[in-house]
Amino acid sequence: MSKLVSMKIDRAARDAMMKGPATISDEGPLYPWGLALNLENEAIDALGMKQLPEAGETMLLVAKVKVTGTRSEDVDGDGGKRKRQNVTLQITDMALEDAGDKTNAAEKLYSE
């Protein structure tokens, strides 16, 4: 499995997003927009979750995705021209497990 990369936004980038000094109660987002997943009853049942995890618990998500769209454009910004890129991914298969579970993620994802 590839190395997991933290997607957390650093403090300077969060402050820049908020266009001014952040307050204690409004520090801005910790992660980029679009990285949150919301699982409803059908997905929870399909994943075999017997009970919901506690908020703040760490889990491991392994997913197979299909690229459904890409976009690349040159945009003018404060620092001059730059390239803005976007890729849209549709999760087609996934496994969700406790981060302490030592099950082989690829085996879990591809087994029938």
C-alpha atoms as a PDB file:
ATOM      1  CA  MET A   1       0.000   0.000   0.000  1.00  0.00           C
ATOM      2  CA  SER A   2       1.227   3.526  -0.740  1.00  0.00           C
ATOM      3  CA  LYS A   3       2.361   5.796   2.065  1.00  0.00           C
ATOM      4  CA  LEU A   4      -0.523   7.767   3.569  1.00  0.00           C
ATOM      5  CA  VAL A   5      -0.156  11.534   3.111  1.00  0.00           C
ATOM      6  CA  SER A   6      -1.680  14.044   5.540  1.00  0.00           C
ATOM      7  CA  MET A   7      -4.053  16.397   3.748  1.00  0.00           C
ATOM      8  CA  LYS A   8      -4.303  18.785   6.714  1.00  0.00           C
ATOM      9  CA  ILE A   9      -4.056  22.469   5.774  1.00  0.00           C
ATOM     10  CA  ASP A  10      -1.197  24.261   7.549  1.00  0.00           C
ATOM     11  CA  ARG A  11      -1.898  27.258   9.787  1.00  0.00           C
ATOM     12  CA  ALA A  12      -0.544  29.872   7.320  1.00  0.00           C
ATOM     13  CA  ALA A  13      -2.770  28.558   4.530  1.00  0.00           C
ATOM     14  CA  ARG A  14      -5.815  28.519   6.845  1.00  0.00           C
ATOM     15  CA  ASP A  15      -5.117  32.120   7.888  1.00  0.00           C
ATOM     16  CA  ALA A  16      -4.815  33.144   4.225  1.00  0.00           C
ATOM     17  CA  MET A  17      -8.125  31.416   3.470  1.00  0.00           C
ATOM     18  CA  MET A  18      -9.807  33.343   6.275  1.00  0.00           C
ATOM     19  CA  LYS A  19      -8.419  36.651   4.853  1.00  0.00           C
ATOM     20  CA  GLY A  20      -7.273  37.938   8.211  1.00  0.00           C
ATOM     21  CA  PRO A  21      -6.261  36.718  11.635  1.00  0.00           C
ATOM     22  CA  ALA A  22      -8.208  33.710  12.807  1.00  0.00           C
ATOM     23  CA  THR A  23      -9.853  33.735  16.190  1.00  0.00           C
ATOM     24  CA  ILE A  24      -9.936  30.858  18.646  1.00  0.00           C
ATOM     25  CA  SER A  25     -13.508  30.017  17.663  1.00  0.00           C
ATOM     26  CA  ASP A  26     -13.035  30.398  13.901  1.00  0.00           C
ATOM     27  CA  GLU A  27      -9.746  28.908  12.755  1.00  0.00           C
ATOM     28  CA  GLY A  28     -10.971  27.880   9.326  1.00  0.00           C
ATOM     29  CA  PRO A  29     -11.093  24.391   7.837  1.00  0.00           C
ATOM     30  CA  LEU A  30      -8.462  21.834   8.817  1.00  0.00           C
ATOM     31  CA  TYR A  31      -8.717  19.959   5.495  1.00  0.00           C
ATOM     32  CA  PRO A  32      -9.529  21.009   1.897  1.00  0.00           C
ATOM     33  CA  TRP A  33     -13.147  21.136   0.759  1.00  0.00           C
ATOM     34  CA  GLY A  34     -14.405  17.895  -0.724  1.00  0.00           C
ATOM     35  CA  LEU A  35     -12.353  15.445   1.341  1.00  0.00           C
ATOM     36  CA  ALA A  36     -15.133  14.575   3.799  1.00  0.00           C
ATOM     37  CA  LEU A  37     -17.275  11.477   3.221  1.00  0.00           C
ATOM     38  CA  ASN A  38     -20.755  11.053   4.649  1.00  0.00           C
ATOM     39  CA  LEU A  39     -21.929   7.455   4.961  1.00  0.00           C
ATOM     40  CA  GLU A  40     -25.655   6.845   5.319  1.00  0.00           C
ATOM     41  CA  ASN A  41     -27.559   3.698   6.340  1.00  0.00           C
ATOM     42  CA  GLU A  42     -27.074   1.772   3.081  1.00  0.00           C
ATOM     43  CA  ALA A  43     -23.303   2.285   3.035  1.00  0.00           C
ATOM     44  CA  ILE A  44     -22.962   1.565   6.758  1.00  0.00           C
ATOM     45  CA  ASP A  45     -24.896  -1.687   6.294  1.00  0.00           C
ATOM     46  CA  ALA A  46     -22.900  -2.650   3.178  1.00  0.00           C
ATOM     47  CA  LEU A  47     -19.644  -2.150   5.092  1.00  0.00           C
ATOM     48  CA  GLY A  48     -20.921  -4.466   7.833  1.00  0.00           C
ATOM     49  CA  MET A  49     -20.631  -1.882  10.599  1.00  0.00           C
ATOM     50  CA  LYS A  50     -22.501  -3.300  13.583  1.00  0.00           C
ATOM     51  CA  GLN A  51     -22.143  -0.137  15.656  1.00  0.00           C
ATOM     52  CA  LEU A  52     -21.037   3.392  14.879  1.00  0.00           C
ATOM     53  CA  PRO A  53     -17.510   4.394  15.872  1.00  0.00           C
ATOM     54  CA  GLU A  54     -16.979   7.167  18.407  1.00  0.00           C
ATOM     55  CA  ALA A  55     -16.387  10.687  17.039  1.00  0.00           C
ATOM     56  CA  GLY A  56     -12.634  11.264  17.012  1.00  0.00           C
ATOM     57  CA  GLU A  57     -11.812   7.566  16.545  1.00  0.00           C
ATOM     58  CA  THR A  58      -9.253   6.809  13.811  1.00  0.00           C
ATOM     59  CA  MET A  59     -10.158   4.310  11.098  1.00  0.00           C
ATOM     60  CA  LEU A  60      -8.495   3.138   7.894  1.00  0.00           C
ATOM     61  CA  LEU A  61     -10.286   3.700   4.575  1.00  0.00           C
ATOM     62  CA  VAL A  62      -9.118   1.763   1.528  1.00  0.00           C
ATOM     63  CA  ALA A  63     -10.911   2.635  -1.679  1.00  0.00           C
ATOM     64  CA  LYS A  64     -10.941   1.857  -5.367  1.00  0.00           C
ATOM     65  CA  VAL A  65     -11.993   4.906  -7.380  1.00  0.00           C
ATOM     66  CA  LYS A  66     -12.929   5.727 -10.964  1.00  0.00           C
ATOM     67  CA  VAL A  67     -11.752   9.025 -12.429  1.00  0.00           C
ATOM     68  CA  THR A  68     -14.959  10.702 -13.620  1.00  0.00           C
ATOM     69  CA  GLY A  69     -13.513  14.025 -14.697  1.00  0.00           C
ATOM     70  CA  THR A  70     -10.395  16.143 -15.001  1.00  0.00           C
ATOM     71  CA  ARG A  71      -9.864  19.825 -15.613  1.00  0.00           C
ATOM     72  CA  SER A  72      -6.800  22.002 -16.117  1.00  0.00           C
ATOM     73  CA  GLU A  73      -6.840  25.740 -16.737  1.00  0.00           C
ATOM     74  CA  ASP A  74      -4.528  28.734 -16.522  1.00  0.00           C
ATOM     75  CA  VAL A  75      -5.827  31.414 -14.152  1.00  0.00           C
ATOM     76  CA  ASP A  76      -4.669  34.896 -13.201  1.00  0.00           C
ATOM     77  CA  GLY A  77      -4.110  35.423  -9.486  1.00  0.00           C
ATOM     78  CA  ASP A  78      -2.263  37.597  -7.029  1.00  0.00           C
ATOM     79  CA  GLY A  79       1.061  35.992  -7.942  1.00  0.00           C
ATOM     80  CA  GLY A  80       0.495  36.036 -11.699  1.00  0.00           C
ATOM     81  CA  LYS A  81      -0.636  33.181 -13.906  1.00  0.00           C
ATOM     82  CA  ARG A  82      -0.817  29.720 -12.445  1.00  0.00           C
ATOM     83  CA  LYS A  83      -2.339  26.394 -13.421  1.00  0.00           C
ATOM     84  CA  ARG A  84      -5.472  25.248 -11.580  1.00  0.00           C
ATOM     85  CA  GLN A  85      -6.080  21.513 -11.803  1.00  0.00           C
ATOM     86  CA  ASN A  86      -8.945  19.340 -10.652  1.00  0.00           C
ATOM     87  CA  VAL A  87      -9.660  15.625 -10.672  1.00  0.00           C
ATOM     88  CA  THR A  88     -13.025  14.135  -9.706  1.00  0.00           C
ATOM     89  CA  LEU A  89     -13.050  10.631  -8.250  1.00  0.00           C
ATOM     90  CA  GLN A  90     -16.014   8.329  -7.712  1.00  0.00           C
ATOM     91  CA  ILE A  91     -15.473   5.709  -5.011  1.00  0.00           C
ATOM     92  CA  THR A  92     -16.600   2.394  -6.518  1.00  0.00           C
ATOM     93  CA  ASP A  93     -15.381  -0.067  -3.864  1.00  0.00           C
ATOM     94  CA  MET A  94     -14.195   0.534  -0.330  1.00  0.00           C
ATOM     95  CA  ALA A  95     -13.273  -1.107   2.952  1.00  0.00           C
ATOM     96  CA  LEU A  96     -13.370   0.618   6.313  1.00  0.00           C
ATOM     97  CA  GLU A  97     -11.649  -0.833   9.327  1.00  0.00           C
ATOM     98  CA  ASP A  98     -10.335   0.063  12.741  1.00  0.00           C
ATOM     99  CA  ALA A  99      -6.854   1.559  12.342  1.00  0.00           C
ATOM    100  CA  GLY A 100      -5.539  -1.150  14.675  1.00  0.00           C
ATOM    101  CA  ASP A 101      -6.866  -3.960  12.434  1.00  0.00           C
ATOM    102  CA  LYS A 102      -3.968  -5.777  10.727  1.00  0.00           C
ATOM    103  CA  THR A 103      -6.116  -7.265   7.935  1.00  0.00           C
ATOM    104  CA  ASN A 104      -4.516  -7.010   4.498  1.00  0.00           C
ATOM    105  CA  ALA A 105      -6.391  -4.052   2.953  1.00  0.00           C
ATOM    106  CA  ALA A 106      -5.940  -5.222  -0.667  1.00  0.00           C
ATOM    107  CA  GLU A 107      -7.213  -8.691   0.207  1.00  0.00           C
ATOM    108  CA  LYS A 108     -10.254  -7.192   1.948  1.00  0.00           C
ATOM    109  CA  LEU A 109     -11.004  -4.863  -0.989  1.00  0.00           C
ATOM    110  CA  TYR A 110     -10.636  -7.432  -3.795  1.00  0.00           C
ATOM    111  CA  SER A 111     -11.972 -10.610  -2.150  1.00  0.00           C
ATOM    112  CA  GLU A 112     -15.436 -11.726  -3.209  1.00  0.00           C
END
